[in-house]
């Protein structure tokens, strides 16, 4: 695995890989508060919207309070931060030398709590940051654009620029409807 090897981060990515759950969470983030509102905003049948909301609640990214559904985006940020800390700790282990230490230094400079504070201008440093992000995608798995955007939002608010940089630098490739990881470091 990569930066997202933290079990919580992987569990959350799996949770949001289902289109119905991703749409339901998006509707909550955009202000829907009832199952009916989620169904109306997503075009899903009410039964499917409720099932997606209940699954999001079990996964910890939504909560039902006083008859309303509320998103918990902080659960995603916390999982990404834990995964980034875990990754940084592995990179900084005493056995890590040379390039591993330089990579950790770059990541410490450009990431805070697992989120990119600025994409480096210098290409070598930008490649380290993009490689770190690319590890959130499993090699061999095809992702829809909304799935890619959901993962990238955990790293940076400008997910479109980040997605474009990953494609331009050869970490992700795409066809008309899907993205897949085609480059970067693979942890074994």
C-alpha atoms as a PDB file:
ATOM      1  CA  UNK A   1       0.000   0.000   0.000  1.00  0.00           C
ATOM      2  CA  UNK A   2       1.079   3.596   0.175  1.00  0.00           C
ATOM      3  CA  UNK A   3       0.287   6.710   2.114  1.00  0.00           C
ATOM      4  CA  UNK A   4      -3.244   5.518   2.604  1.00  0.00           C
ATOM      5  CA  UNK A   5      -2.225   2.242   4.225  1.00  0.00           C
ATOM      6  CA  UNK A   6      -3.782   3.352   7.502  1.00  0.00           C
ATOM      7  CA  UNK A   7      -6.741   0.968   7.963  1.00  0.00           C
ATOM      8  CA  UNK A   8      -9.157   3.840   8.646  1.00  0.00           C
ATOM      9  CA  UNK A   9      -8.126   5.667   5.479  1.00  0.00           C
ATOM     10  CA  UNK A  10      -8.501   2.525   3.377  1.00  0.00           C
ATOM     11  CA  UNK A  11     -11.861   1.773   4.977  1.00  0.00           C
ATOM     12  CA  UNK A  12     -13.077   5.296   4.204  1.00  0.00           C
ATOM     13  CA  UNK A  13     -11.846   5.136   0.619  1.00  0.00           C
ATOM     14  CA  UNK A  14     -13.688   1.848   0.210  1.00  0.00           C
ATOM     15  CA  UNK A  15     -16.793   3.345   1.775  1.00  0.00           C
ATOM     16  CA  UNK A  16     -16.749   6.256  -0.666  1.00  0.00           C
ATOM     17  CA  UNK A  17     -15.895   4.138  -3.706  1.00  0.00           C
ATOM     18  CA  UNK A  18     -19.587   3.240  -4.094  1.00  0.00           C
ATOM     19  CA  UNK A  19     -21.267   5.902  -6.277  1.00  0.00           C
ATOM     20  CA  UNK A  20     -24.488   5.983  -4.203  1.00  0.00           C
ATOM     21  CA  UNK A  21     -22.604   6.643  -0.967  1.00  0.00           C
ATOM     22  CA  UNK A  22     -20.389   9.261  -2.597  1.00  0.00           C
ATOM     23  CA  UNK A  23     -23.430  11.052  -4.033  1.00  0.00           C
ATOM     24  CA  UNK A  24     -25.250  10.874  -0.682  1.00  0.00           C
ATOM     25  CA  UNK A  25     -22.264  12.336   1.175  1.00  0.00           C
ATOM     26  CA  UNK A  26     -21.924  15.050  -1.472  1.00  0.00           C
ATOM     27  CA  UNK A  27     -25.596  15.953  -1.010  1.00  0.00           C
ATOM     28  CA  UNK A  28     -25.040  16.241   2.761  1.00  0.00           C
ATOM     29  CA  UNK A  29     -21.983  18.431   2.255  1.00  0.00           C
ATOM     30  CA  UNK A  30     -24.049  20.640  -0.054  1.00  0.00           C
ATOM     31  CA  UNK A  31     -26.764  21.091   2.566  1.00  0.00           C
ATOM     32  CA  UNK A  32     -29.284  18.251   2.321  1.00  0.00           C
ATOM     33  CA  UNK A  33     -30.404  17.250   5.824  1.00  0.00           C
ATOM     34  CA  UNK A  34     -33.084  14.583   5.353  1.00  0.00           C
ATOM     35  CA  UNK A  35     -33.229  11.331   3.444  1.00  0.00           C
ATOM     36  CA  UNK A  36     -35.826  12.851   1.156  1.00  0.00           C
ATOM     37  CA  UNK A  37     -33.598  15.845   0.375  1.00  0.00           C
ATOM     38  CA  UNK A  38     -30.669  13.519  -0.356  1.00  0.00           C
ATOM     39  CA  UNK A  39     -32.881  11.434  -2.663  1.00  0.00           C
ATOM     40  CA  UNK A  40     -34.115  14.545  -4.462  1.00  0.00           C
ATOM     41  CA  UNK A  41     -30.630  16.038  -4.920  1.00  0.00           C
ATOM     42  CA  UNK A  42     -29.043  12.794  -6.075  1.00  0.00           C
ATOM     43  CA  UNK A  43     -31.874  11.352  -8.149  1.00  0.00           C
ATOM     44  CA  UNK A  44     -31.714   8.140  -6.135  1.00  0.00           C
ATOM     45  CA  UNK A  45     -34.812   6.332  -4.921  1.00  0.00           C
ATOM     46  CA  UNK A  46     -35.542   7.269  -1.280  1.00  0.00           C
ATOM     47  CA  UNK A  47     -34.846   3.688  -0.165  1.00  0.00           C
ATOM     48  CA  UNK A  48     -31.376   3.735  -1.769  1.00  0.00           C
ATOM     49  CA  UNK A  49     -30.606   7.181  -0.353  1.00  0.00           C
ATOM     50  CA  UNK A  50     -31.499   5.999   3.149  1.00  0.00           C
ATOM     51  CA  UNK A  51     -29.394   2.851   2.743  1.00  0.00           C
ATOM     52  CA  UNK A  52     -26.421   4.972   1.607  1.00  0.00           C
ATOM     53  CA  UNK A  53     -26.866   7.374   4.544  1.00  0.00           C
ATOM     54  CA  UNK A  54     -27.026   4.528   7.035  1.00  0.00           C
ATOM     55  CA  UNK A  55     -23.850   3.021   5.579  1.00  0.00           C
ATOM     56  CA  UNK A  56     -22.130   6.423   5.780  1.00  0.00           C
ATOM     57  CA  UNK A  57     -23.220   6.650   9.412  1.00  0.00           C
ATOM     58  CA  UNK A  58     -21.741   3.220  10.188  1.00  0.00           C
ATOM     59  CA  UNK A  59     -18.560   4.351   8.431  1.00  0.00           C
ATOM     60  CA  UNK A  60     -18.334   7.491  10.579  1.00  0.00           C
ATOM     61  CA  UNK A  61     -18.612  10.122   7.829  1.00  0.00           C
ATOM     62  CA  UNK A  62     -22.240  11.033   8.546  1.00  0.00           C
ATOM     63  CA  UNK A  63     -24.273  11.320  11.717  1.00  0.00           C
ATOM     64  CA  UNK A  64     -27.981  11.549  12.466  1.00  0.00           C
ATOM     65  CA  UNK A  65     -28.777  14.202  15.070  1.00  0.00           C
ATOM     66  CA  UNK A  66     -32.274  15.273  16.056  1.00  0.00           C
ATOM     67  CA  UNK A  67     -33.803  13.884  12.872  1.00  0.00           C
ATOM     68  CA  UNK A  68     -31.223  15.473  10.551  1.00  0.00           C
ATOM     69  CA  UNK A  69     -28.311  13.957   8.711  1.00  0.00           C
ATOM     70  CA  UNK A  70     -25.008  15.814   8.988  1.00  0.00           C
ATOM     71  CA  UNK A  71     -21.735  15.172   7.142  1.00  0.00           C
ATOM     72  CA  UNK A  72     -18.529  14.526   9.087  1.00  0.00           C
ATOM     73  CA  UNK A  73     -15.778  15.583   6.634  1.00  0.00           C
ATOM     74  CA  UNK A  74     -13.377  15.803   9.560  1.00  0.00           C
ATOM     75  CA  UNK A  75     -13.389  11.979   9.635  1.00  0.00           C
ATOM     76  CA  UNK A  76     -11.770  12.010   6.184  1.00  0.00           C
ATOM     77  CA  UNK A  77      -9.235  14.674   7.152  1.00  0.00           C
ATOM     78  CA  UNK A  78      -8.332  12.783  10.338  1.00  0.00           C
ATOM     79  CA  UNK A  79      -7.840   9.495   8.473  1.00  0.00           C
ATOM     80  CA  UNK A  80      -5.630  11.177   5.858  1.00  0.00           C
ATOM     81  CA  UNK A  81      -3.608  12.913   8.579  1.00  0.00           C
ATOM     82  CA  UNK A  82      -3.083   9.601  10.420  1.00  0.00           C
ATOM     83  CA  UNK A  83      -2.062   7.897   7.177  1.00  0.00           C
ATOM     84  CA  UNK A  84       0.359  10.729   6.343  1.00  0.00           C
ATOM     85  CA  UNK A  85       1.865  10.574   9.832  1.00  0.00           C
ATOM     86  CA  UNK A  86       2.231   6.815   9.511  1.00  0.00           C
ATOM     87  CA  UNK A  87       3.916   7.258   6.132  1.00  0.00           C
ATOM     88  CA  UNK A  88       6.244   9.968   7.430  1.00  0.00           C
ATOM     89  CA  UNK A  89       7.174   7.781  10.403  1.00  0.00           C
ATOM     90  CA  UNK A  90       8.061   4.907   8.062  1.00  0.00           C
ATOM     91  CA  UNK A  91      10.152   7.226   5.880  1.00  0.00           C
ATOM     92  CA  UNK A  92      11.964   8.645   8.904  1.00  0.00           C
ATOM     93  CA  UNK A  93      12.871   5.262  10.425  1.00  0.00           C
ATOM     94  CA  UNK A  94      16.619   4.871  11.077  1.00  0.00           C
ATOM     95  CA  UNK A  95      16.960   2.524   8.082  1.00  0.00           C
ATOM     96  CA  UNK A  96      15.734   5.268   5.751  1.00  0.00           C
ATOM     97  CA  UNK A  97      18.703   7.020   4.215  1.00  0.00           C
ATOM     98  CA  UNK A  98      19.470   9.427   1.401  1.00  0.00           C
ATOM     99  CA  UNK A  99      16.446   9.753  -0.845  1.00  0.00           C
ATOM    100  CA  UNK A 100      14.034   8.639   1.916  1.00  0.00           C
ATOM    101  CA  UNK A 101      15.192  11.412   4.198  1.00  0.00           C
ATOM    102  CA  UNK A 102      14.967  13.977   1.409  1.00  0.00           C
ATOM    103  CA  UNK A 103      11.451  12.776   0.597  1.00  0.00           C
ATOM    104  CA  UNK A 104      10.419  13.118   4.242  1.00  0.00           C
ATOM    105  CA  UNK A 105      11.892  16.624   4.380  1.00  0.00           C
ATOM    106  CA  UNK A 106       9.937  17.692   1.276  1.00  0.00           C
ATOM    107  CA  UNK A 107       6.713  16.188   2.629  1.00  0.00           C
ATOM    108  CA  UNK A 108       7.176  17.964   5.973  1.00  0.00           C
ATOM    109  CA  UNK A 109       7.674  21.238   4.097  1.00  0.00           C
ATOM    110  CA  UNK A 110       4.613  21.000   1.868  1.00  0.00           C
ATOM    111  CA  UNK A 111       2.074  18.985   3.904  1.00  0.00           C
ATOM    112  CA  UNK A 112       0.323  19.858   7.164  1.00  0.00           C
ATOM    113  CA  UNK A 113      -1.856  17.253   8.835  1.00  0.00           C
ATOM    114  CA  UNK A 114      -1.829  15.254   5.608  1.00  0.00           C
ATOM    115  CA  UNK A 115      -3.004  18.157   3.416  1.00  0.00           C
ATOM    116  CA  UNK A 116      -0.952  19.961   0.796  1.00  0.00           C
ATOM    117  CA  UNK A 117      -0.367  23.561   1.864  1.00  0.00           C
ATOM    118  CA  UNK A 118       1.288  24.457  -1.446  1.00  0.00           C
ATOM    119  CA  UNK A 119       2.252  22.464  -4.509  1.00  0.00           C
ATOM    120  CA  UNK A 120       6.006  22.932  -4.950  1.00  0.00           C
ATOM    121  CA  UNK A 121       7.171  24.990  -7.903  1.00  0.00           C
ATOM    122  CA  UNK A 122      10.455  23.110  -8.177  1.00  0.00           C
ATOM    123  CA  UNK A 123       9.729  20.001 -10.259  1.00  0.00           C
ATOM    124  CA  UNK A 124      11.801  17.568  -8.177  1.00  0.00           C
ATOM    125  CA  UNK A 125       9.927  18.534  -5.002  1.00  0.00           C
ATOM    126  CA  UNK A 126       6.579  18.582  -6.822  1.00  0.00           C
ATOM    127  CA  UNK A 127       7.269  15.019  -8.010  1.00  0.00           C
ATOM    128  CA  UNK A 128       7.829  13.900  -4.395  1.00  0.00           C
ATOM    129  CA  UNK A 129       4.489  15.411  -3.332  1.00  0.00           C
ATOM    130  CA  UNK A 130       2.645  13.969  -6.346  1.00  0.00           C
ATOM    131  CA  UNK A 131       4.189  10.551  -5.733  1.00  0.00           C
ATOM    132  CA  UNK A 132       2.940  10.741  -2.147  1.00  0.00           C
ATOM    133  CA  UNK A 133      -0.595  11.549  -3.373  1.00  0.00           C
ATOM    134  CA  UNK A 134      -0.494   8.875  -6.097  1.00  0.00           C
ATOM    135  CA  UNK A 135       0.047   6.215  -3.446  1.00  0.00           C
ATOM    136  CA  UNK A 136      -3.555   6.765  -2.374  1.00  0.00           C
ATOM    137  CA  UNK A 137      -4.580   4.972  -5.582  1.00  0.00           C
ATOM    138  CA  UNK A 138      -4.197   1.229  -5.905  1.00  0.00           C
ATOM    139  CA  UNK A 139      -2.365   0.074  -9.033  1.00  0.00           C
ATOM    140  CA  UNK A 140      -4.688  -1.861 -11.333  1.00  0.00           C
ATOM    141  CA  UNK A 141      -7.896  -0.249 -10.038  1.00  0.00           C
ATOM    142  CA  UNK A 142     -10.001   1.951 -12.337  1.00  0.00           C
ATOM    143  CA  UNK A 143     -11.570   5.007 -10.687  1.00  0.00           C
ATOM    144  CA  UNK A 144     -14.356   7.303 -11.860  1.00  0.00           C
ATOM    145  CA  UNK A 145     -13.664  11.038 -11.848  1.00  0.00           C
ATOM    146  CA  UNK A 146     -15.881  11.597  -8.755  1.00  0.00           C
ATOM    147  CA  UNK A 147     -13.943   8.863  -6.927  1.00  0.00           C
ATOM    148  CA  UNK A 148     -10.621  10.476  -7.876  1.00  0.00           C
ATOM    149  CA  UNK A 149     -11.910  13.898  -6.815  1.00  0.00           C
ATOM    150  CA  UNK A 150     -13.056  12.545  -3.430  1.00  0.00           C
ATOM    151  CA  UNK A 151      -9.579  11.147  -2.739  1.00  0.00           C
ATOM    152  CA  UNK A 152      -7.825  14.301  -3.941  1.00  0.00           C
ATOM    153  CA  UNK A 153     -10.048  16.615  -1.872  1.00  0.00           C
ATOM    154  CA  UNK A 154      -8.599  14.930   1.201  1.00  0.00           C
ATOM    155  CA  UNK A 155      -5.190  16.247   0.122  1.00  0.00           C
ATOM    156  CA  UNK A 156      -6.014  19.648  -1.380  1.00  0.00           C
ATOM    157  CA  UNK A 157      -9.018  21.894  -1.942  1.00  0.00           C
ATOM    158  CA  UNK A 158      -8.092  22.432  -5.614  1.00  0.00           C
ATOM    159  CA  UNK A 159      -8.618  18.806  -6.570  1.00  0.00           C
ATOM    160  CA  UNK A 160      -8.889  19.635 -10.295  1.00  0.00           C
ATOM    161  CA  UNK A 161      -5.373  21.131 -10.445  1.00  0.00           C
ATOM    162  CA  UNK A 162      -4.004  18.267  -8.402  1.00  0.00           C
ATOM    163  CA  UNK A 163      -5.689  15.724 -10.700  1.00  0.00           C
ATOM    164  CA  UNK A 164      -4.306  17.506 -13.775  1.00  0.00           C
ATOM    165  CA  UNK A 165      -0.786  17.545 -12.273  1.00  0.00           C
ATOM    166  CA  UNK A 166      -0.991  13.804 -11.534  1.00  0.00           C
ATOM    167  CA  UNK A 167      -2.014  13.112 -15.141  1.00  0.00           C
ATOM    168  CA  UNK A 168       0.508  15.545 -16.656  1.00  0.00           C
ATOM    169  CA  UNK A 169       3.393  14.085 -14.642  1.00  0.00           C
ATOM    170  CA  UNK A 170       2.475  10.472 -15.449  1.00  0.00           C
ATOM    171  CA  UNK A 171       1.177   9.282 -12.080  1.00  0.00           C
ATOM    172  CA  UNK A 172      -2.405   8.802 -13.318  1.00  0.00           C
ATOM    173  CA  UNK A 173      -3.724   8.053 -16.771  1.00  0.00           C
ATOM    174  CA  UNK A 174      -7.245   8.311 -18.069  1.00  0.00           C
ATOM    175  CA  UNK A 175      -9.661   7.475 -20.804  1.00  0.00           C
ATOM    176  CA  UNK A 176     -13.032   9.108 -21.371  1.00  0.00           C
ATOM    177  CA  UNK A 177     -14.579   7.833 -18.138  1.00  0.00           C
ATOM    178  CA  UNK A 178     -11.929   6.286 -15.870  1.00  0.00           C
ATOM    179  CA  UNK A 179      -8.609   7.058 -14.213  1.00  0.00           C
ATOM    180  CA  UNK A 180      -5.956   4.604 -13.087  1.00  0.00           C
ATOM    181  CA  UNK A 181      -2.576   4.782 -11.469  1.00  0.00           C
ATOM    182  CA  UNK A 182       0.207   4.311 -14.019  1.00  0.00           C
ATOM    183  CA  UNK A 183       3.262   5.618 -12.191  1.00  0.00           C
ATOM    184  CA  UNK A 184       4.899   6.412  -8.914  1.00  0.00           C
ATOM    185  CA  UNK A 185       6.410   4.439  -6.097  1.00  0.00           C
ATOM    186  CA  UNK A 186       4.797   1.180  -5.055  1.00  0.00           C
ATOM    187  CA  UNK A 187       5.405   0.041  -1.495  1.00  0.00           C
ATOM    188  CA  UNK A 188       5.926  -3.684  -1.045  1.00  0.00           C
END
